[in-house]
Protein backbone atom coordinates (compact mmCIF):
# COMPACT_ATOMS: atom_id res chain seq x y z
CA UNK A 1 -34.49 -66.08 -266.34
CA UNK A 2 -37.83 -66.98 -267.92
CA UNK A 3 -39.70 -64.52 -265.69
CA UNK A 4 -37.23 -61.80 -266.67
CA UNK A 5 -37.83 -62.50 -270.37
CA UNK A 6 -41.60 -62.32 -269.85
CA UNK A 7 -41.25 -59.08 -267.85
CA UNK A 8 -39.12 -57.50 -270.58
CA UNK A 9 -41.63 -58.59 -273.23
CA UNK A 10 -44.55 -57.11 -271.27
CA UNK A 11 -42.65 -53.89 -270.59
CA UNK A 12 -41.70 -53.44 -274.24
CA UNK A 13 -45.14 -54.40 -275.55
CA UNK A 14 -47.18 -52.25 -273.17
CA UNK A 15 -44.61 -49.45 -273.12
CA UNK A 16 -44.53 -49.41 -276.89
CA UNK A 17 -48.28 -48.99 -277.12
CA UNK A 18 -48.25 -46.24 -274.51
CA UNK A 19 -45.45 -44.34 -276.25
CA UNK A 20 -47.15 -44.68 -279.65
CA UNK A 21 -50.33 -43.19 -278.17
CA UNK A 22 -48.39 -40.40 -276.43
CA UNK A 23 -46.84 -39.35 -279.73
CA UNK A 24 -49.83 -40.05 -281.95
CA UNK A 25 -50.94 -36.42 -282.22
CA UNK A 26 -47.76 -35.43 -284.04
CA UNK A 27 -47.84 -38.20 -286.67
CA UNK A 28 -48.52 -36.84 -290.15
CA UNK A 29 -49.28 -39.05 -293.15
CA UNK A 30 -50.17 -37.60 -296.52
CA UNK A 31 -49.80 -38.05 -300.26
CA UNK A 32 -49.05 -34.96 -302.30
CA UNK A 33 -48.35 -35.05 -306.02
CA UNK A 34 -48.03 -38.83 -305.84
CA UNK A 35 -45.38 -38.69 -303.13
CA UNK A 36 -46.03 -40.35 -299.79
CA UNK A 37 -44.90 -38.28 -296.82
CA UNK A 38 -44.63 -39.53 -293.25
CA UNK A 39 -43.60 -37.49 -290.25
CA UNK A 40 -43.38 -39.21 -286.86
CA UNK A 41 -42.38 -37.87 -283.45
CA UNK A 42 -39.45 -39.27 -281.48
CA UNK A 43 -41.89 -40.56 -278.85
CA UNK A 44 -43.84 -42.54 -281.44
CA UNK A 45 -40.58 -43.80 -282.93
CA UNK A 46 -39.43 -45.03 -279.51
CA UNK A 47 -42.80 -46.72 -279.07
CA UNK A 48 -42.46 -48.41 -282.44
CA UNK A 49 -38.95 -49.61 -281.55
CA UNK A 50 -40.23 -50.99 -278.22
CA UNK A 51 -43.11 -52.75 -279.94
CA UNK A 52 -40.82 -54.27 -282.57
CA UNK A 53 -38.51 -55.40 -279.76
CA UNK A 54 -41.42 -57.11 -278.00
CA UNK A 55 -42.36 -58.83 -281.25
CA UNK A 56 -38.82 -60.12 -281.70
CA UNK A 57 -38.63 -61.39 -278.11
CA UNK A 58 -41.98 -63.11 -278.50
CA UNK A 59 -41.11 -64.66 -281.86
CA UNK A 60 -37.59 -65.82 -281.20
CA UNK A 61 -37.52 -66.48 -277.45
CA UNK A 62 -40.94 -66.95 -275.86
CA UNK A 63 -42.39 -69.14 -278.60
CA UNK A 64 -39.41 -71.48 -278.28
CA UNK A 65 -39.40 -71.71 -274.47
CA UNK A 66 -43.13 -72.01 -273.63
CA UNK A 67 -46.24 -73.84 -274.78
CA UNK A 68 -48.34 -71.35 -276.75
CA UNK A 69 -51.58 -72.67 -275.26
CA UNK A 70 -50.25 -71.73 -271.83
CA UNK A 71 -48.22 -68.55 -272.33
CA UNK A 72 -50.29 -66.69 -274.93
CA UNK A 73 -53.41 -66.23 -272.77
CA UNK A 74 -51.25 -65.19 -269.83
CA UNK A 75 -49.25 -62.62 -271.79
CA UNK A 76 -52.33 -61.26 -273.52
CA UNK A 77 -54.27 -60.95 -270.27
CA UNK A 78 -51.47 -59.23 -268.36
CA UNK A 79 -50.73 -56.93 -271.29
CA UNK A 80 -54.40 -55.93 -271.55
CA UNK A 81 -54.51 -55.12 -267.84
CA UNK A 82 -51.33 -53.00 -268.11
CA UNK A 83 -52.70 -51.08 -271.08
CA UNK A 84 -56.10 -50.51 -269.45
CA UNK A 85 -54.53 -49.27 -266.22
CA UNK A 86 -52.08 -47.03 -268.06
CA UNK A 87 -54.99 -45.63 -270.05
CA UNK A 88 -56.67 -44.72 -266.78
CA UNK A 89 -53.62 -43.27 -265.03
CA UNK A 90 -51.57 -41.77 -267.88
CA UNK A 91 -54.26 -40.73 -270.35
CA UNK A 92 -57.06 -40.12 -267.81
CA UNK A 93 -59.37 -42.45 -269.74
CA UNK A 94 -62.51 -43.66 -268.02
CA UNK A 95 -63.14 -47.30 -267.24
CA UNK A 96 -66.74 -48.26 -266.53
CA UNK A 97 -68.10 -51.06 -264.37
CA UNK A 98 -68.06 -53.53 -267.25
CA UNK A 99 -64.36 -52.79 -267.77
CA UNK A 100 -63.67 -53.46 -264.10
CA UNK A 101 -65.62 -56.72 -264.30
CA UNK A 102 -63.60 -57.62 -267.40
CA UNK A 103 -60.32 -57.02 -265.57
CA UNK A 104 -61.49 -59.19 -262.67
CA UNK A 105 -62.46 -61.96 -265.11
CA UNK A 106 -59.05 -61.75 -266.79
CA UNK A 107 -57.35 -62.09 -263.40
CA UNK A 108 -59.58 -65.07 -262.51
CA UNK A 109 -58.72 -66.67 -265.85
CA UNK A 110 -55.00 -66.14 -265.27
CA UNK A 111 -55.25 -67.77 -261.84
CA UNK A 112 -57.21 -70.70 -263.28
CA UNK A 113 -54.59 -71.22 -266.00
CA UNK A 114 -51.93 -71.53 -263.32
CA UNK A 115 -53.79 -74.12 -261.23
CA UNK A 116 -52.18 -77.46 -261.94
């Protein structure tokens, strides 16, 4: 059950960021005549909902079930890897050699955190 909660958190967190970026070009923010106007695409809205969902799962479930000193580095590292890889595959962003070395170091750190 705990792995499922973590998987849902990672899916919502990373998916939310990806959806927000996918819909970012259609977001319009302006102030005209003292009135604030905001227009957001459905994709960005879904991303925002996913990200809020991940925040709620983290705040009300994960924080209660796990030690923060253990789970936070793991979640952050895995989330960063997901976002970097999705940037490469979905958005065709370039990752240089330093980025690859960084990913390898994150993975090494995750393995070291799990050695008991």
